[in-house]
C-alpha atoms as a PDB file:
ATOM      1  CA  UNK A   1    -166.467  61.280-106.608  1.00  0.00           C
ATOM      2  CA  UNK A   2    -168.563  64.799-106.313  1.00  0.00           C
ATOM      3  CA  UNK A   3    -171.510  65.384-108.839  1.00  0.00           C
ATOM      4  CA  UNK A   4    -171.161  68.249-111.082  1.00  0.00           C
ATOM      5  CA  UNK A   5    -174.076  70.082-109.304  1.00  0.00           C
ATOM      6  CA  UNK A   6    -172.144  69.580-105.842  1.00  0.00           C
ATOM      7  CA  UNK A   7    -168.252  70.367-107.290  1.00  0.00           C
ATOM      8  CA  UNK A   8    -169.317  73.324-109.670  1.00  0.00           C
ATOM      9  CA  UNK A   9    -170.037  75.899-106.521  1.00  0.00           C
ATOM     10  CA  UNK A  10    -166.467  75.059-105.377  1.00  0.00           C
ATOM     11  CA  UNK A  11    -164.577  76.386-108.353  1.00  0.00           C
ATOM     12  CA  UNK A  12    -165.893  79.943-107.382  1.00  0.00           C
ATOM     13  CA  UNK A  13    -166.932  80.385-103.865  1.00  0.00           C
ATOM     14  CA  UNK A  14    -165.120  77.160-102.342  1.00  0.00           C
ATOM     15  CA  UNK A  15    -161.555  78.078-103.890  1.00  0.00           C
ATOM     16  CA  UNK A  16    -162.454  81.396-102.383  1.00  0.00           C
ATOM     17  CA  UNK A  17    -162.860  81.410 -99.130  1.00  0.00           C
ATOM     18  CA  UNK A  18    -160.431  77.831 -99.004  1.00  0.00           C
ATOM     19  CA  UNK A  19    -157.209  79.969-100.684  1.00  0.00           C
ATOM     20  CA  UNK A  20    -157.025  82.425 -97.375  1.00  0.00           C
ATOM     21  CA  UNK A  21    -157.508  79.902 -94.685  1.00  0.00           C
ATOM     22  CA  UNK A  22    -154.492  78.055 -96.423  1.00  0.00           C
ATOM     23  CA  UNK A  23    -152.139  80.921 -96.812  1.00  0.00           C
ATOM     24  CA  UNK A  24    -153.116  82.809 -93.412  1.00  0.00           C
ATOM     25  CA  UNK A  25    -152.044  79.278 -91.463  1.00  0.00           C
ATOM     26  CA  UNK A  26    -155.514  77.658 -90.501  1.00  0.00           C
ATOM     27  CA  UNK A  27    -154.832  74.096 -88.721  1.00  0.00           C
ATOM     28  CA  UNK A  28    -156.789  71.464 -87.354  1.00  0.00           C
ATOM     29  CA  UNK A  29    -157.689  72.368 -83.757  1.00  0.00           C
ATOM     30  CA  UNK A  30    -157.863  76.295 -84.255  1.00  0.00           C
ATOM     31  CA  UNK A  31    -160.696  78.353 -83.729  1.00  0.00           C
ATOM     32  CA  UNK A  32    -161.952  80.109 -87.028  1.00  0.00           C
ATOM     33  CA  UNK A  33    -164.906  82.679 -87.255  1.00  0.00           C
ATOM     34  CA  UNK A  34    -167.088  83.062 -90.217  1.00  0.00           C
ATOM     35  CA  UNK A  35    -168.431  86.473 -90.462  1.00  0.00           C
ATOM     36  CA  UNK A  36    -171.601  86.865 -93.225  1.00  0.00           C
ATOM     37  CA  UNK A  37    -173.607  83.415 -93.751  1.00  0.00           C
ATOM     38  CA  UNK A  38    -174.350  83.946 -97.643  1.00  0.00           C
ATOM     39  CA  UNK A  39    -172.747  81.663-100.518  1.00  0.00           C
ATOM     40  CA  UNK A  40    -169.047  81.978 -99.355  1.00  0.00           C
ATOM     41  CA  UNK A  41    -169.652  82.097 -95.613  1.00  0.00           C
ATOM     42  CA  UNK A  42    -171.901  79.061 -95.494  1.00  0.00           C
ATOM     43  CA  UNK A  43    -169.381  77.514 -97.873  1.00  0.00           C
ATOM     44  CA  UNK A  44    -166.322  78.720 -95.386  1.00  0.00           C
ATOM     45  CA  UNK A  45    -168.362  76.853 -92.554  1.00  0.00           C
ATOM     46  CA  UNK A  46    -168.556  73.784 -94.554  1.00  0.00           C
ATOM     47  CA  UNK A  47    -164.708  73.638 -95.587  1.00  0.00           C
ATOM     48  CA  UNK A  48    -163.625  74.541 -91.950  1.00  0.00           C
ATOM     49  CA  UNK A  49    -165.680  71.773 -90.227  1.00  0.00           C
ATOM     50  CA  UNK A  50    -164.030  69.294 -92.963  1.00  0.00           C
ATOM     51  CA  UNK A  51    -160.611  70.531 -91.788  1.00  0.00           C
ATOM     52  CA  UNK A  52    -161.323  69.962 -88.541  1.00  0.00           C
ATOM     53  CA  UNK A  53    -161.724  73.815 -86.753  1.00  0.00           C
ATOM     54  CA  UNK A  54    -164.075  74.623 -84.744  1.00  0.00           C
ATOM     55  CA  UNK A  55    -166.010  77.109 -86.632  1.00  0.00           C
ATOM     56  CA  UNK A  56    -168.394  80.095 -85.157  1.00  0.00           C
ATOM     57  CA  UNK A  57    -170.779  81.769 -87.417  1.00  0.00           C
ATOM     58  CA  UNK A  58    -170.719  85.647 -86.598  1.00  0.00           C
ATOM     59  CA  UNK A  59    -174.061  87.212 -87.646  1.00  0.00           C
ATOM     60  CA  UNK A  60    -175.709  90.435 -87.253  1.00  0.00           C
ATOM     61  CA  UNK A  61    -179.106  89.120 -85.507  1.00  0.00           C
ATOM     62  CA  UNK A  62    -180.521  85.634 -84.464  1.00  0.00           C
ATOM     63  CA  UNK A  63    -182.371  85.218 -87.515  1.00  0.00           C
ATOM     64  CA  UNK A  64    -179.330  83.066 -89.325  1.00  0.00           C
ATOM     65  CA  UNK A  65    -178.747  80.579 -85.772  1.00  0.00           C
ATOM     66  CA  UNK A  66    -180.943  77.574 -86.862  1.00  0.00           C
ATOM     67  CA  UNK A  67    -179.510  77.917 -90.441  1.00  0.00           C
ATOM     68  CA  UNK A  68    -175.794  77.921 -89.129  1.00  0.00           C
ATOM     69  CA  UNK A  69    -175.951  74.834 -86.678  1.00  0.00           C
ATOM     70  CA  UNK A  70    -178.487  72.624 -87.720  1.00  0.00           C
ATOM     71  CA  UNK A  71    -177.979  73.072 -91.551  1.00  0.00           C
ATOM     72  CA  UNK A  72    -174.557  73.675 -91.865  1.00  0.00           C
ATOM     73  CA  UNK A  73    -173.470  72.285 -88.371  1.00  0.00           C
ATOM     74  CA  UNK A  74    -171.447  75.202 -87.441  1.00  0.00           C
ATOM     75  CA  UNK A  75    -170.071  74.514 -83.374  1.00  0.00           C
ATOM     76  CA  UNK A  76    -170.951  77.936 -82.819  1.00  0.00           C
ATOM     77  CA  UNK A  77    -173.072  80.959 -83.124  1.00  0.00           C
ATOM     78  CA  UNK A  78    -172.714  84.681 -82.064  1.00  0.00           C
ATOM     79  CA  UNK A  79    -175.210  87.627 -82.621  1.00  0.00           C
ATOM     80  CA  UNK A  80    -173.215  90.513 -83.418  1.00  0.00           C
ATOM     81  CA  UNK A  81    -176.177  92.648 -81.885  1.00  0.00           C
ATOM     82  CA  UNK A  82    -176.238  91.221 -79.082  1.00  0.00           C
ATOM     83  CA  UNK A  83    -173.515  93.065 -76.710  1.00  0.00           C
ATOM     84  CA  UNK A  84    -173.340  89.917 -73.826  1.00  0.00           C
ATOM     85  CA  UNK A  85    -173.078  87.663 -76.445  1.00  0.00           C
ATOM     86  CA  UNK A  86    -170.027  90.180 -78.254  1.00  0.00           C
ATOM     87  CA  UNK A  87    -168.903  90.007 -74.938  1.00  0.00           C
ATOM     88  CA  UNK A  88    -168.565  86.896 -73.870  1.00  0.00           C
ATOM     89  CA  UNK A  89    -166.665  85.754 -77.494  1.00  0.00           C
ATOM     90  CA  UNK A  90    -164.177  88.692 -76.936  1.00  0.00           C
ATOM     91  CA  UNK A  91    -160.599  87.063 -77.912  1.00  0.00           C
ATOM     92  CA  UNK A  92    -161.978  83.484 -78.462  1.00  0.00           C
ATOM     93  CA  UNK A  93    -160.745  83.466 -82.128  1.00  0.00           C
ATOM     94  CA  UNK A  94    -157.676  82.519 -84.003  1.00  0.00           C
ATOM     95  CA  UNK A  95    -159.056  83.747 -87.591  1.00  0.00           C
ATOM     96  CA  UNK A  96    -162.013  84.990 -88.876  1.00  0.00           C
ATOM     97  CA  UNK A  97    -162.731  85.034 -92.536  1.00  0.00           C
ATOM     98  CA  UNK A  98    -164.977  87.785 -93.104  1.00  0.00           C
ATOM     99  CA  UNK A  99    -167.356  87.338 -95.641  1.00  0.00           C
ATOM    100  CA  UNK A 100    -169.436  90.572 -95.454  1.00  0.00           C
ATOM    101  CA  UNK A 101    -169.788  92.765 -98.454  1.00  0.00           C
ATOM    102  CA  UNK A 102    -171.770  95.524 -96.988  1.00  0.00           C
ATOM    103  CA  UNK A 103    -170.588  98.121 -95.397  1.00  0.00           C
ATOM    104  CA  UNK A 104    -169.744  97.511 -91.598  1.00  0.00           C
ATOM    105  CA  UNK A 105    -167.396  97.991 -88.595  1.00  0.00           C
ATOM    106  CA  UNK A 106    -164.784  96.193 -88.432  1.00  0.00           C
ATOM    107  CA  UNK A 107    -163.513  96.937 -84.870  1.00  0.00           C
ATOM    108  CA  UNK A 108    -166.304  94.637 -82.935  1.00  0.00           C
ATOM    109  CA  UNK A 109    -164.866  91.508 -85.348  1.00  0.00           C
ATOM    110  CA  UNK A 110    -161.417  92.569 -84.558  1.00  0.00           C
ATOM    111  CA  UNK A 111    -162.300  92.450 -80.340  1.00  0.00           C
ATOM    112  CA  UNK A 112    -162.826  88.859 -80.577  1.00  0.00           C
ATOM    113  CA  UNK A 113    -160.076  87.556 -82.116  1.00  0.00           C
ATOM    114  CA  UNK A 114    -157.082  86.614 -79.932  1.00  0.00           C
ATOM    115  CA  UNK A 115    -153.517  87.501 -79.703  1.00  0.00           C
ATOM    116  CA  UNK A 116    -151.774  86.920 -83.228  1.00  0.00           C
ATOM    117  CA  UNK A 117    -155.103  86.423 -84.634  1.00  0.00           C
ATOM    118  CA  UNK A 118    -156.230  87.361 -87.985  1.00  0.00           C
ATOM    119  CA  UNK A 119    -159.515  88.651 -89.486  1.00  0.00           C
ATOM    120  CA  UNK A 120    -159.350  87.795 -93.773  1.00  0.00           C
ATOM    121  CA  UNK A 121    -161.713  90.009 -95.630  1.00  0.00           C
ATOM    122  CA  UNK A 122    -163.110  88.202 -98.831  1.00  0.00           C
ATOM    123  CA  UNK A 123    -166.467  90.585 -99.241  1.00  0.00           C
ATOM    124  CA  UNK A 124    -165.761  94.090-100.815  1.00  0.00           C
ATOM    125  CA  UNK A 125    -167.726  96.290 -99.076  1.00  0.00           C
ATOM    126  CA  UNK A 126    -168.829 100.167-100.995  1.00  0.00           C
ATOM    127  CA  UNK A 127    -167.051 102.133 -98.643  1.00  0.00           C
ATOM    128  CA  UNK A 128    -162.979 101.954 -97.041  1.00  0.00           C
ATOM    129  CA  UNK A 129    -162.481 100.340 -93.854  1.00  0.00           C
ATOM    130  CA  UNK A 130    -161.144 101.679 -91.016  1.00  0.00           C
ATOM    131  CA  UNK A 131    -160.149 101.136 -87.191  1.00  0.00           C
ATOM    132  CA  UNK A 132    -158.896 102.559 -84.342  1.00  0.00           C
ATOM    133  CA  UNK A 133    -155.242 101.682 -83.706  1.00  0.00           C
ATOM    134  CA  UNK A 134    -155.454  99.985 -80.622  1.00  0.00           C
ATOM    135  CA  UNK A 135    -157.914  97.216 -81.641  1.00  0.00           C
ATOM    136  CA  UNK A 136    -154.727  95.704 -82.913  1.00  0.00           C
ATOM    137  CA  UNK A 137    -151.489  97.598 -82.569  1.00  0.00           C
ATOM    138  CA  UNK A 138    -150.779  96.078 -78.635  1.00  0.00           C
ATOM    139  CA  UNK A 139    -151.970  92.346 -79.557  1.00  0.00           C
ATOM    140  CA  UNK A 140    -150.029  92.203 -83.003  1.00  0.00           C
ATOM    141  CA  UNK A 141    -153.653  91.407 -84.746  1.00  0.00           C
ATOM    142  CA  UNK A 142    -154.007  91.295 -88.841  1.00  0.00           C
ATOM    143  CA  UNK A 143    -156.332  92.645 -90.855  1.00  0.00           C
ATOM    144  CA  UNK A 144    -155.700  90.895 -94.684  1.00  0.00           C
ATOM    145  CA  UNK A 145    -157.901  90.682 -97.515  1.00  0.00           C
ATOM    146  CA  UNK A 146    -157.638  88.044-100.258  1.00  0.00           C
ATOM    147  CA  UNK A 147    -159.474  87.430-103.753  1.00  0.00           C
ATOM    148  CA  UNK A 148    -160.558  84.214-105.517  1.00  0.00           C
ATOM    149  CA  UNK A 149    -157.427  81.824-105.396  1.00  0.00           C
ATOM    150  CA  UNK A 150    -155.615  80.241-108.389  1.00  0.00           C
ATOM    151  CA  UNK A 151    -155.481  76.762-109.684  1.00  0.00           C
ATOM    152  CA  UNK A 152    -153.310  74.699-107.529  1.00  0.00           C
ATOM    153  CA  UNK A 153    -155.387  74.765-104.376  1.00  0.00           C
ATOM    154  CA  UNK A 154    -158.705  73.968-106.182  1.00  0.00           C
ATOM    155  CA  UNK A 155    -157.578  70.291-105.807  1.00  0.00           C
ATOM    156  CA  UNK A 156    -157.136  70.388-102.376  1.00  0.00           C
ATOM    157  CA  UNK A 157    -160.537  72.182-101.832  1.00  0.00           C
ATOM    158  CA  UNK A 158    -161.977  69.304-103.954  1.00  0.00           C
ATOM    159  CA  UNK A 159    -160.342  66.643-101.496  1.00  0.00           C
ATOM    160  CA  UNK A 160    -161.747  68.229 -98.559  1.00  0.00           C
ATOM    161  CA  UNK A 161    -165.015  68.707-100.114  1.00  0.00           C
ATOM    162  CA  UNK A 162    -165.454  64.959-100.729  1.00  0.00           C
ATOM    163  CA  UNK A 163    -165.730  64.256 -97.048  1.00  0.00           C
ATOM    164  CA  UNK A 164    -169.309  63.804 -96.295  1.00  0.00           C
ATOM    165  CA  UNK A 165    -171.504  66.991 -96.150  1.00  0.00           C
ATOM    166  CA  UNK A 166    -168.900  69.591 -97.385  1.00  0.00           C
ATOM    167  CA  UNK A 167    -170.046  70.183-100.595  1.00  0.00           C
ATOM    168  CA  UNK A 168    -172.031  73.158-101.316  1.00  0.00           C
ATOM    169  CA  UNK A 169    -175.702  73.898-100.491  1.00  0.00           C
ATOM    170  CA  UNK A 170    -177.037  74.577-103.780  1.00  0.00           C
ATOM    171  CA  UNK A 171    -180.712  74.628-105.777  1.00  0.00           C
ATOM    172  CA  UNK A 172    -180.288  72.880-108.967  1.00  0.00           C
ATOM    173  CA  UNK A 173    -181.839  74.585-112.273  1.00  0.00           C
ATOM    174  CA  UNK A 174    -183.040  73.731-115.636  1.00  0.00           C
ATOM    175  CA  UNK A 175    -182.260  76.523-117.791  1.00  0.00           C
ATOM    176  CA  UNK A 176    -183.538  77.972-120.062  1.00  0.00           C
ATOM    177  CA  UNK A 177    -187.208  76.704-119.391  1.00  0.00           C
ATOM    178  CA  UNK A 178    -186.875  76.105-115.714  1.00  0.00           C
ATOM    179  CA  UNK A 179    -189.110  79.059-113.768  1.00  0.00           C
ATOM    180  CA  UNK A 180    -186.481  78.872-110.897  1.00  0.00           C
ATOM    181  CA  UNK A 181    -183.882  80.886-113.658  1.00  0.00           C
ATOM    182  CA  UNK A 182    -186.056  83.732-113.438  1.00  0.00           C
ATOM    183  CA  UNK A 183    -186.975  83.348-109.865  1.00  0.00           C
ATOM    184  CA  UNK A 184    -182.999  83.186-108.901  1.00  0.00           C
ATOM    185  CA  UNK A 185    -182.468  86.229-110.705  1.00  0.00           C
ATOM    186  CA  UNK A 186    -185.028  87.976-108.846  1.00  0.00           C
ATOM    187  CA  UNK A 187    -183.450  86.655-105.244  1.00  0.00           C
ATOM    188  CA  UNK A 188    -179.699  88.283-106.774  1.00  0.00           C
ATOM    189  CA  UNK A 189    -181.425  91.460-107.416  1.00  0.00           C
ATOM    190  CA  UNK A 190    -183.173  91.140-103.987  1.00  0.00           C
ATOM    191  CA  UNK A 191    -179.885  89.942-102.106  1.00  0.00           C
ATOM    192  CA  UNK A 192    -181.727  87.356-100.709  1.00  0.00           C
ATOM    193  CA  UNK A 193    -180.523  84.170-102.622  1.00  0.00           C
ATOM    194  CA  UNK A 194    -179.487  81.729-100.382  1.00  0.00           C
ATOM    195  CA  UNK A 195    -178.577  78.764-102.567  1.00  0.00           C
ATOM    196  CA  UNK A 196    -175.917  78.277-105.311  1.00  0.00           C
ATOM    197  CA  UNK A 197    -178.176  77.648-108.494  1.00  0.00           C
ATOM    198  CA  UNK A 198    -175.934  75.847-110.561  1.00  0.00           C
ATOM    199  CA  UNK A 199    -177.163  74.356-114.139  1.00  0.00           C
ATOM    200  CA  UNK A 200    -178.313  70.667-114.537  1.00  0.00           C
ATOM    201  CA  UNK A 201    -175.692  69.601-117.067  1.00  0.00           C
ATOM    202  CA  UNK A 202    -177.658  65.960-117.321  1.00  0.00           C
ATOM    203  CA  UNK A 203    -181.168  67.743-117.809  1.00  0.00           C
ATOM    204  CA  UNK A 204    -182.547  67.793-121.633  1.00  0.00           C
ATOM    205  CA  UNK A 205    -181.899  71.250-122.192  1.00  0.00           C
ATOM    206  CA  UNK A 206    -177.602  70.954-121.549  1.00  0.00           C
ATOM    207  CA  UNK A 207    -177.253  67.336-122.268  1.00  0.00           C
ATOM    208  CA  UNK A 208    -175.217  66.668-125.172  1.00  0.00           C
ATOM    209  CA  UNK A 209    -177.400  65.945-128.686  1.00  0.00           C
END
């Protein structure tokens, strides 16, 4: 079975990314893009690999290439700030799961989709999303959204995550006296958190008395 710290993020980040992947028809063998490599993006990479799709991480710069390819096992990486890489990847993806919560231009990501491709947004930028109609009308591309999933798919995401390497990366903390709790709060405030911080439910602070 899954460990409790390993399973906990699946009930939030895991189901948030898995639900639209299934709802919008992601299937083994497809080419799947993950935009934004935060907590949601990292979970999407792992679940995508477990589902048997080719995973390409789309990030603003080269900063997360090693994490995407070496730590998470993505198949490809595209730096969206590199015009040559973006041009080479144009029209190559069946689906993009966009996990970016900062304001961004959706147009370049639509250009990476094949005809009939789908871009699903699970991040929530503060500004309205807009794009030119020719970015999606002639090629029948879709821009859609999804929030957190319902209860039934959670059994499915748990099943996928039992495969080796598919659970969330995490930094287990021991509340309330573990200094990592305070450090974690600071990282979240600075938008610099990299790992999910589930509590150690078997530790002395939370263990049954």
